[in-house]
C-alpha atoms as a PDB file:
ATOM      1  CA  MET A   1       0.021  -0.054   0.072  1.00  0.00           C
ATOM      2  CA  GLN A   2       2.951   2.309   0.607  1.00  0.00           C
ATOM      3  CA  LYS A   3       4.285   1.695  -2.810  1.00  0.00           C
ATOM      4  CA  GLU A   4       1.063   1.948  -4.856  1.00  0.00           C
ATOM      5  CA  TYR A   5      -1.121   4.159  -2.678  1.00  0.00           C
ATOM      6  CA  GLY A   6       1.411   6.095  -0.588  1.00  0.00           C
ATOM      7  CA  LYS A   7      -0.344   5.291   2.729  1.00  0.00           C
ATOM      8  CA  LEU A   8      -0.242   2.627   5.477  1.00  0.00           C
ATOM      9  CA  ASP A   9      -3.980   1.923   5.516  1.00  0.00           C
ATOM     10  CA  LEU A  10      -6.784   1.662   3.075  1.00  0.00           C
ATOM     11  CA  GLU A  11     -10.498   1.771   3.593  1.00  0.00           C
ATOM     12  CA  ILE A  12     -12.029  -1.662   3.209  1.00  0.00           C
ATOM     13  CA  SER A  13     -14.600  -0.219   0.781  1.00  0.00           C
ATOM     14  CA  GLN A  14     -11.794   0.656  -1.541  1.00  0.00           C
ATOM     15  CA  LEU A  15     -10.632  -2.969  -1.887  1.00  0.00           C
ATOM     16  CA  ASN A  16     -11.353  -4.083  -5.523  1.00  0.00           C
ATOM     17  CA  HIS A  17     -10.265  -6.339  -8.232  1.00  0.00           C
ATOM     18  CA  ALA A  18      -7.395  -4.008  -9.239  1.00  0.00           C
ATOM     19  CA  PHE A  19      -5.918  -4.134  -5.664  1.00  0.00           C
ATOM     20  CA  ILE A  20      -5.860  -7.877  -5.651  1.00  0.00           C
ATOM     21  CA  THR A  21      -4.177  -8.239  -8.943  1.00  0.00           C
ATOM     22  CA  GLY A  22      -1.765  -5.540  -7.968  1.00  0.00           C
ATOM     23  CA  PHE A  23      -0.960  -7.299  -4.722  1.00  0.00           C
ATOM     24  CA  GLU A  24      -0.370 -10.574  -6.447  1.00  0.00           C
ATOM     25  CA  PHE A  25       2.002  -8.799  -8.902  1.00  0.00           C
ATOM     26  CA  TYR A  26       3.776  -7.202  -5.988  1.00  0.00           C
ATOM     27  CA  LEU A  27       4.293 -10.516  -4.131  1.00  0.00           C
ATOM     28  CA  LYS A  28       5.746 -12.036  -7.302  1.00  0.00           C
ATOM     29  CA  THR A  29       8.159  -9.154  -8.199  1.00  0.00           C
ATOM     30  CA  ASP A  30       9.181  -7.160  -5.199  1.00  0.00           C
ATOM     31  CA  CYS A  31       8.803  -9.918  -2.681  1.00  0.00           C
ATOM     32  CA  LYS A  32      10.192 -12.670  -5.082  1.00  0.00           C
ATOM     33  CA  CYS A  33       7.447 -15.069  -4.050  1.00  0.00           C
ATOM     34  CA  SER A  34       6.616 -18.136  -6.202  1.00  0.00           C
ATOM     35  CA  GLY A  35       3.308 -18.518  -7.722  1.00  0.00           C
ATOM     36  CA  VAL A  36       2.297 -20.979  -4.997  1.00  0.00           C
ATOM     37  CA  SER A  37       3.419 -18.789  -2.171  1.00  0.00           C
ATOM     38  CA  ALA A  38       1.789 -15.686  -3.580  1.00  0.00           C
ATOM     39  CA  ALA A  39      -1.490 -17.740  -3.853  1.00  0.00           C
ATOM     40  CA  LYS A  40      -1.210 -18.562  -0.163  1.00  0.00           C
ATOM     41  CA  TYR A  41      -0.975 -14.873   0.757  1.00  0.00           C
ATOM     42  CA  ILE A  42      -3.872 -14.068  -1.499  1.00  0.00           C
ATOM     43  CA  LYS A  43      -5.915 -16.856   0.208  1.00  0.00           C
ATOM     44  CA  GLN A  44      -5.342 -15.166   3.593  1.00  0.00           C
ATOM     45  CA  LEU A  45      -6.642 -11.869   2.179  1.00  0.00           C
ATOM     46  CA  LYS A  46      -9.699 -13.665   0.773  1.00  0.00           C
ATOM     47  CA  LYS A  47     -10.500 -15.008   4.267  1.00  0.00           C
ATOM     48  CA  ILE A  48     -10.570 -11.435   5.615  1.00  0.00           C
ATOM     49  CA  VAL A  49     -12.684 -10.375   2.720  1.00  0.00           C
ATOM     50  CA  ASN A  50     -15.139 -13.141   3.340  1.00  0.00           C
ATOM     51  CA  HIS A  51     -15.406 -12.039   6.981  1.00  0.00           C
ATOM     52  CA  CYS A  52     -16.167  -8.500   5.870  1.00  0.00           C
ATOM     53  CA  ILE A  53     -18.934  -9.626   3.501  1.00  0.00           C
ATOM     54  CA  ALA A  54     -20.421 -11.805   6.227  1.00  0.00           C
ATOM     55  CA  ASN A  55     -20.635  -8.652   8.438  1.00  0.00           C
ATOM     56  CA  SER A  56     -21.906  -6.443   5.537  1.00  0.00           C
ATOM     57  CA  TRP A  57     -18.789  -4.225   5.668  1.00  0.00           C
ATOM     58  CA  LEU A  58     -18.395  -4.893   1.995  1.00  0.00           C
ATOM     59  CA  LYS A  59     -21.199  -4.794  -0.621  1.00  0.00           C
ATOM     60  CA  GLN A  60     -19.375  -6.501  -3.353  1.00  0.00           C
ATOM     61  CA  ASN A  61     -16.829  -9.272  -3.479  1.00  0.00           C
ATOM     62  CA  PRO A  62     -13.653  -8.087  -5.056  1.00  0.00           C
ATOM     63  CA  PHE A  63     -12.664 -11.733  -5.637  1.00  0.00           C
ATOM     64  CA  VAL A  64     -15.570 -12.424  -8.010  1.00  0.00           C
ATOM     65  CA  ASN A  65     -13.513 -12.210 -11.272  1.00  0.00           C
ATOM     66  CA  PHE A  66     -10.164 -13.185  -9.710  1.00  0.00           C
ATOM     67  CA  LYS A  67      -8.570 -16.462 -10.337  1.00  0.00           C
ATOM     68  CA  SER A  68      -5.075 -17.604  -9.390  1.00  0.00           C
ATOM     69  CA  THR A  69      -2.962 -19.125 -12.129  1.00  0.00           C
ATOM     70  CA  ALA A  70      -0.517 -20.725  -9.737  1.00  0.00           C
ATOM     71  CA  LYS A  71      -0.021 -24.375 -10.198  1.00  0.00           C
ATOM     72  CA  ALA A  72       0.863 -26.783  -7.245  1.00  0.00           C
ATOM     73  CA  LYS A  73       4.314 -28.293  -7.398  1.00  0.00           C
ATOM     74  CA  GLU A  74       4.658 -31.992  -8.226  1.00  0.00           C
ATOM     75  CA  ARG A  75       4.656 -33.892  -4.943  1.00  0.00           C
ATOM     76  CA  THR A  76       7.786 -35.947  -4.409  1.00  0.00           C
ATOM     77  CA  TYR A  77       7.613 -39.486  -2.730  1.00  0.00           C
ATOM     78  CA  LEU A  78       9.817 -42.589  -2.417  1.00  0.00           C
ATOM     79  CA  THR A  79       9.068 -45.636  -4.430  1.00  0.00           C
ATOM     80  CA  GLN A  80       8.890 -48.949  -2.597  1.00  0.00           C
ATOM     81  CA  HIS A  81      12.367 -49.887  -3.736  1.00  0.00           C
ATOM     82  CA  GLU A  82      13.794 -46.560  -2.566  1.00  0.00           C
ATOM     83  CA  LEU A  83      12.044 -46.984   0.795  1.00  0.00           C
ATOM     84  CA  ASP A  84      13.402 -50.517   1.169  1.00  0.00           C
ATOM     85  CA  THR A  85      16.890 -49.317   0.177  1.00  0.00           C
ATOM     86  CA  ILE A  86      17.120 -46.631   2.882  1.00  0.00           C
ATOM     87  CA  ALA A  87      15.417 -48.863   5.514  1.00  0.00           C
ATOM     88  CA  ASN A  88      17.872 -51.776   4.951  1.00  0.00           C
ATOM     89  CA  LYS A  89      21.017 -49.677   4.506  1.00  0.00           C
ATOM     90  CA  GLN A  90      23.633 -50.571   7.146  1.00  0.00           C
ATOM     91  CA  LEU A  91      24.608 -47.193   8.781  1.00  0.00           C
ATOM     92  CA  THR A  92      27.424 -46.867  11.273  1.00  0.00           C
ATOM     93  CA  ILE A  93      26.738 -43.417  12.557  1.00  0.00           C
ATOM     94  CA  GLU A  94      24.230 -43.410  15.409  1.00  0.00           C
ATOM     95  CA  ARG A  95      22.608 -40.029  14.582  1.00  0.00           C
ATOM     96  CA  LEU A  96      21.925 -41.146  10.976  1.00  0.00           C
ATOM     97  CA  VAL A  97      20.556 -44.432  12.203  1.00  0.00           C
ATOM     98  CA  GLN A  98      18.143 -42.638  14.460  1.00  0.00           C
ATOM     99  CA  VAL A  99      17.015 -40.082  11.826  1.00  0.00           C
ATOM    100  CA  ARG A 100      16.625 -42.858   9.204  1.00  0.00           C
ATOM    101  CA  ASP A 101      14.520 -44.961  11.608  1.00  0.00           C
ATOM    102  CA  ILE A 102      12.235 -41.986  12.444  1.00  0.00           C
ATOM    103  CA  PHE A 103      11.843 -41.154   8.682  1.00  0.00           C
ATOM    104  CA  VAL A 104      10.980 -44.796   7.781  1.00  0.00           C
ATOM    105  CA  PHE A 105       8.508 -44.950  10.761  1.00  0.00           C
ATOM    106  CA  CYS A 106       6.826 -41.820   9.299  1.00  0.00           C
ATOM    107  CA  CYS A 107       6.687 -43.466   5.911  1.00  0.00           C
ATOM    108  CA  TYR A 108       4.824 -46.412   7.251  1.00  0.00           C
ATOM    109  CA  THR A 109       2.437 -44.494   9.612  1.00  0.00           C
ATOM    110  CA  GLY A 110       1.890 -41.198   7.850  1.00  0.00           C
ATOM    111  CA  LEU A 111       2.751 -39.232  10.981  1.00  0.00           C
ATOM    112  CA  SER A 112       4.671 -35.891  10.706  1.00  0.00           C
ATOM    113  CA  TYR A 113       7.935 -35.245  12.478  1.00  0.00           C
ATOM    114  CA  ALA A 114       6.173 -33.165  15.208  1.00  0.00           C
ATOM    115  CA  ASP A 115       3.606 -35.930  15.859  1.00  0.00           C
ATOM    116  CA  VAL A 116       6.219 -38.638  16.116  1.00  0.00           C
ATOM    117  CA  LYS A 117       8.432 -36.450  18.492  1.00  0.00           C
ATOM    118  CA  LYS A 118       5.413 -36.234  20.999  1.00  0.00           C
ATOM    119  CA  LEU A 119       4.247 -39.825  20.533  1.00  0.00           C
ATOM    120  CA  LYS A 120       3.945 -41.467  23.891  1.00  0.00           C
ATOM    121  CA  ARG A 121       3.944 -45.110  24.861  1.00  0.00           C
ATOM    122  CA  ASN A 122       0.367 -44.947  26.120  1.00  0.00           C
ATOM    123  CA  GLU A 123      -0.806 -43.843  22.665  1.00  0.00           C
ATOM    124  CA  ILE A 124      -0.325 -47.458  21.408  1.00  0.00           C
ATOM    125  CA  GLY A 125      -3.232 -49.774  21.984  1.00  0.00           C
ATOM    126  CA  VAL A 126      -5.225 -52.591  20.585  1.00  0.00           C
ATOM    127  CA  GLY A 127      -7.481 -51.707  17.632  1.00  0.00           C
ATOM    128  CA  VAL A 128     -10.791 -53.272  16.622  1.00  0.00           C
ATOM    129  CA  ASP A 129      -8.902 -56.073  14.818  1.00  0.00           C
ATOM    130  CA  GLY A 130      -6.953 -57.023  17.904  1.00  0.00           C
ATOM    131  CA  GLU A 131      -3.728 -55.599  16.442  1.00  0.00           C
ATOM    132  CA  GLN A 132      -1.455 -52.802  17.644  1.00  0.00           C
ATOM    133  CA  TRP A 133      -2.766 -49.277  16.639  1.00  0.00           C
ATOM    134  CA  ILE A 134      -1.596 -45.749  17.183  1.00  0.00           C
ATOM    135  CA  PHE A 135      -4.271 -43.609  18.894  1.00  0.00           C
ATOM    136  CA  THR A 136      -3.050 -39.937  18.779  1.00  0.00           C
ATOM    137  CA  SER A 137      -3.954 -36.417  17.666  1.00  0.00           C
ATOM    138  CA  ARG A 138      -2.197 -34.291  15.127  1.00  0.00           C
ATOM    139  CA  GLN A 139      -0.280 -31.346  16.622  1.00  0.00           C
ATOM    140  CA  LYS A 140      -1.138 -29.075  13.702  1.00  0.00           C
ATOM    141  CA  THR A 141      -4.802 -29.530  13.398  1.00  0.00           C
ATOM    142  CA  ASP A 142      -5.757 -31.279  16.793  1.00  0.00           C
ATOM    143  CA  THR A 143      -7.581 -33.923  14.740  1.00  0.00           C
ATOM    144  CA  SER A 144      -7.460 -37.593  15.819  1.00  0.00           C
ATOM    145  CA  SER A 145      -5.477 -40.133  13.893  1.00  0.00           C
ATOM    146  CA  ARG A 146      -6.002 -43.920  14.404  1.00  0.00           C
ATOM    147  CA  ILE A 147      -3.357 -45.874  12.492  1.00  0.00           C
ATOM    148  CA  PRO A 148      -2.863 -49.572  12.346  1.00  0.00           C
ATOM    149  CA  LEU A 149       0.820 -50.400  12.835  1.00  0.00           C
ATOM    150  CA  LEU A 150       2.456 -52.177   9.849  1.00  0.00           C
ATOM    151  CA  PRO A 151       5.177 -54.788  10.509  1.00  0.00           C
ATOM    152  CA  SER A 152       7.987 -52.428   9.376  1.00  0.00           C
ATOM    153  CA  ALA A 153       6.704 -49.763  11.861  1.00  0.00           C
ATOM    154  CA  LEU A 154       6.445 -52.244  14.673  1.00  0.00           C
ATOM    155  CA  ALA A 155       9.999 -53.495  14.035  1.00  0.00           C
ATOM    156  CA  ILE A 156      11.299 -49.879  14.555  1.00  0.00           C
ATOM    157  CA  LEU A 157       9.408 -49.448  17.765  1.00  0.00           C
ATOM    158  CA  ASN A 158      10.749 -52.766  19.161  1.00  0.00           C
ATOM    159  CA  ARG A 159      14.366 -51.548  18.489  1.00  0.00           C
ATOM    160  CA  TYR A 160      13.711 -48.481  20.729  1.00  0.00           C
ATOM    161  CA  GLN A 161      11.684 -50.243  23.426  1.00  0.00           C
ATOM    162  CA  ASP A 162      14.507 -50.446  25.918  1.00  0.00           C
ATOM    163  CA  HIS A 163      16.210 -47.096  24.981  1.00  0.00           C
ATOM    164  CA  PRO A 164      16.953 -45.233  28.308  1.00  0.00           C
ATOM    165  CA  GLN A 165      15.693 -41.834  27.228  1.00  0.00           C
ATOM    166  CA  CYS A 166      12.478 -43.256  25.785  1.00  0.00           C
ATOM    167  CA  GLU A 167      11.826 -45.249  29.016  1.00  0.00           C
ATOM    168  CA  ASN A 168      12.541 -42.220  31.194  1.00  0.00           C
ATOM    169  CA  ARG A 169      10.224 -39.781  29.215  1.00  0.00           C
ATOM    170  CA  GLY A 170       7.578 -42.290  28.257  1.00  0.00           C
ATOM    171  CA  LEU A 171       8.159 -41.819  24.595  1.00  0.00           C
ATOM    172  CA  LEU A 172       8.119 -44.397  21.685  1.00  0.00           C
ATOM    173  CA  LEU A 173      11.120 -43.079  19.844  1.00  0.00           C
ATOM    174  CA  GLN A 174      14.263 -41.141  20.317  1.00  0.00           C
ATOM    175  CA  VAL A 175      13.829 -38.108  18.112  1.00  0.00           C
ATOM    176  CA  LEU A 176      16.657 -35.772  17.286  1.00  0.00           C
ATOM    177  CA  SER A 177      16.460 -32.003  17.411  1.00  0.00           C
ATOM    178  CA  LYS A 178      14.336 -30.310  14.737  1.00  0.00           C
ATOM    179  CA  GLN A 179      17.216 -28.048  13.612  1.00  0.00           C
ATOM    180  CA  ASN A 180      19.268 -30.695  11.998  1.00  0.00           C
ATOM    181  CA  LYS A 181      16.819 -33.441  11.163  1.00  0.00           C
ATOM    182  CA  ASN A 182      16.563 -32.759   7.380  1.00  0.00           C
ATOM    183  CA  ALA A 183      20.301 -32.279   6.910  1.00  0.00           C
ATOM    184  CA  TYR A 184      21.018 -35.661   8.710  1.00  0.00           C
ATOM    185  CA  LEU A 185      18.256 -37.327   6.710  1.00  0.00           C
ATOM    186  CA  GLN A 186      19.788 -36.096   3.391  1.00  0.00           C
ATOM    187  CA  GLU A 187      23.166 -37.421   4.570  1.00  0.00           C
ATOM    188  CA  ALA A 188      21.530 -40.838   5.216  1.00  0.00           C
ATOM    189  CA  ALA A 189      19.954 -40.674   1.790  1.00  0.00           C
ATOM    190  CA  ASP A 190      23.185 -39.943   0.055  1.00  0.00           C
ATOM    191  CA  ILE A 191      24.858 -42.775   1.721  1.00  0.00           C
ATOM    192  CA  SER A 192      22.015 -45.029   0.566  1.00  0.00           C
ATOM    193  CA  GLY A 193      22.396 -43.942  -2.966  1.00  0.00           C
ATOM    194  CA  ILE A 194      19.000 -42.176  -3.166  1.00  0.00           C
ATOM    195  CA  ILE A 195      19.260 -39.105  -5.364  1.00  0.00           C
ATOM    196  CA  LYS A 196      15.966 -37.446  -4.352  1.00  0.00           C
ATOM    197  CA  HIS A 197      15.937 -34.476  -1.938  1.00  0.00           C
ATOM    198  CA  LEU A 198      14.560 -35.951   1.216  1.00  0.00           C
ATOM    199  CA  THR A 199      12.593 -34.091   3.889  1.00  0.00           C
ATOM    200  CA  PHE A 200      10.434 -35.454   6.680  1.00  0.00           C
ATOM    201  CA  HIS A 201       7.326 -34.119   4.957  1.00  0.00           C
ATOM    202  CA  LEU A 202       8.098 -36.315   2.070  1.00  0.00           C
ATOM    203  CA  ALA A 203       7.379 -39.411   4.319  1.00  0.00           C
ATOM    204  CA  ARG A 204       3.758 -38.386   4.543  1.00  0.00           C
ATOM    205  CA  HIS A 205       3.468 -38.350   0.738  1.00  0.00           C
ATOM    206  CA  THR A 206       5.280 -41.697   0.682  1.00  0.00           C
ATOM    207  CA  PHE A 207       2.793 -43.157   3.074  1.00  0.00           C
ATOM    208  CA  ALA A 208      -0.177 -41.772   1.028  1.00  0.00           C
ATOM    209  CA  THR A 209       1.107 -42.735  -2.393  1.00  0.00           C
ATOM    210  CA  THR A 210       3.431 -45.630  -2.131  1.00  0.00           C
ATOM    211  CA  VAL A 211       2.499 -47.502   1.065  1.00  0.00           C
ATOM    212  CA  THR A 212      -1.247 -47.135   1.007  1.00  0.00           C
ATOM    213  CA  LEU A 213      -2.935 -45.854  -2.143  1.00  0.00           C
ATOM    214  CA  SER A 214      -0.769 -47.966  -4.432  1.00  0.00           C
ATOM    215  CA  ASN A 215      -1.615 -51.094  -2.569  1.00  0.00           C
ATOM    216  CA  GLY A 216      -5.423 -50.688  -2.848  1.00  0.00           C
ATOM    217  CA  VAL A 217      -6.249 -48.653   0.320  1.00  0.00           C
ATOM    218  CA  PRO A 218      -9.152 -46.324  -0.500  1.00  0.00           C
ATOM    219  CA  MET A 219      -8.545 -42.485  -0.495  1.00  0.00           C
ATOM    220  CA  GLU A 220     -11.064 -42.124   2.286  1.00  0.00           C
ATOM    221  CA  THR A 221      -9.168 -44.500   4.614  1.00  0.00           C
ATOM    222  CA  VAL A 222      -5.880 -42.815   3.796  1.00  0.00           C
ATOM    223  CA  SER A 223      -7.355 -39.408   4.584  1.00  0.00           C
ATOM    224  CA  LYS A 224      -8.677 -40.736   7.960  1.00  0.00           C
ATOM    225  CA  MET A 225      -5.146 -41.978   8.932  1.00  0.00           C
ATOM    226  CA  LEU A 226      -3.485 -38.792   7.873  1.00  0.00           C
ATOM    227  CA  GLY A 227      -5.852 -36.839  10.055  1.00  0.00           C
ATOM    228  CA  HIS A 228      -7.238 -34.662   7.322  1.00  0.00           C
ATOM    229  CA  LYS A 229     -10.504 -32.912   7.737  1.00  0.00           C
ATOM    230  CA  ILE A 230     -11.326 -32.789   4.021  1.00  0.00           C
ATOM    231  CA  LEU A 231     -10.642 -35.392   1.254  1.00  0.00           C
ATOM    232  CA  LYS A 232      -9.266 -32.603  -1.062  1.00  0.00           C
ATOM    233  CA  THR A 233      -6.211 -32.204   1.250  1.00  0.00           C
ATOM    234  CA  THR A 234      -5.471 -35.890   1.002  1.00  0.00           C
ATOM    235  CA  GLN A 235      -5.644 -35.618  -2.825  1.00  0.00           C
ATOM    236  CA  HIS A 236      -2.515 -33.289  -2.604  1.00  0.00           C
ATOM    237  CA  TYR A 237      -0.674 -35.872  -0.749  1.00  0.00           C
ATOM    238  CA  ALA A 238      -1.573 -39.091  -2.644  1.00  0.00           C
ATOM    239  CA  LYS A 239      -0.850 -39.461  -6.273  1.00  0.00           C
ATOM    240  CA  ILE A 240      -2.489 -42.282  -8.342  1.00  0.00           C
ATOM    241  CA  LEU A 241       0.367 -43.944 -10.029  1.00  0.00           C
ATOM    242  CA  ASP A 242       0.360 -45.601 -13.528  1.00  0.00           C
ATOM    243  CA  VAL A 243       0.812 -48.947 -11.831  1.00  0.00           C
ATOM    244  CA  LYS A 244      -2.389 -48.530  -9.799  1.00  0.00           C
ATOM    245  CA  VAL A 245      -4.279 -47.534 -12.985  1.00  0.00           C
ATOM    246  CA  SER A 246      -2.826 -50.650 -14.699  1.00  0.00           C
ATOM    247  CA  GLN A 247      -4.009 -52.858 -11.842  1.00  0.00           C
ATOM    248  CA  ASP A 248      -7.547 -51.434 -11.693  1.00  0.00           C
ATOM    249  CA  MET A 249      -7.913 -51.558 -15.488  1.00  0.00           C
ATOM    250  CA  ALA A 250      -6.674 -55.234 -15.391  1.00  0.00           C
ATOM    251  CA  GLN A 251      -9.498 -56.035 -13.197  1.00  0.00           C
ATOM    252  CA  LEU A 252     -11.953 -54.379 -15.488  1.00  0.00           C
ATOM    253  CA  LYS A 253     -10.577 -56.205 -18.497  1.00  0.00           C
ATOM    254  CA  HIS A 254     -10.899 -59.538 -16.613  1.00  0.00           C
ATOM    255  CA  LYS A 255     -14.664 -58.836 -16.047  1.00  0.00           C
ATOM    256  CA  TYR A 256     -15.172 -57.945 -19.710  1.00  0.00           C
ATOM    257  CA  THR A 257     -13.423 -61.158 -20.882  1.00  0.00           C
ATOM    258  CA  THR A 258     -15.472 -63.320 -18.644  1.00  0.00           C
ATOM    259  CA  ILE A 259     -18.926 -61.993 -19.744  1.00  0.00           C
END
């Protein structure tokens, strides 16, 4: 507003389509924001506008003819081969072993780094099928997550069952500081021969795409385990792969050939 209007504040009634398009251009040029980042800032502005409209402070919606052209980035995930590679790699440095174990655990549970870090021993219980489940709530959204534990995740928990710090604090896993987690993870990935850029957030995408959806788990079930409130959010995490399309179509072809 200082640059375009020469003032610190603007009357809400002066908010119009030109302001919004100008704001988006400012974010992309002066602020060097990507299209996706700019769209996120615009989204926050839209929330304020909706609040103003609900209270009759604005007579017209300035967003009526505005449409963001930003396209979401392609979501990265590990293939099953890559996940097996890093999970089975013999590492000799303790900090890399720990960060690798936490990452693989996240890949097989869909939990975020923050959720795993606070995961307590009393959050493991028996589910409706008589097997071990995680019963926790997401730190980010405070929504509940109920996740059946796969054998690979259980194996990791068993390795840390007698860890002194885990026992003393009642935690399931020994999680390293947040500051160095992704740097250590990338180091473990390099040693394992994985060329992708690894982050802990990639683990949730791997769980949604490779571990669950590609193995026939319905999108609605994946959404429930990830703790998402709406299915659209899950669709950003899970990608339907060609192999899944092939499997589904093979079943359809079989039905047609037996008619």
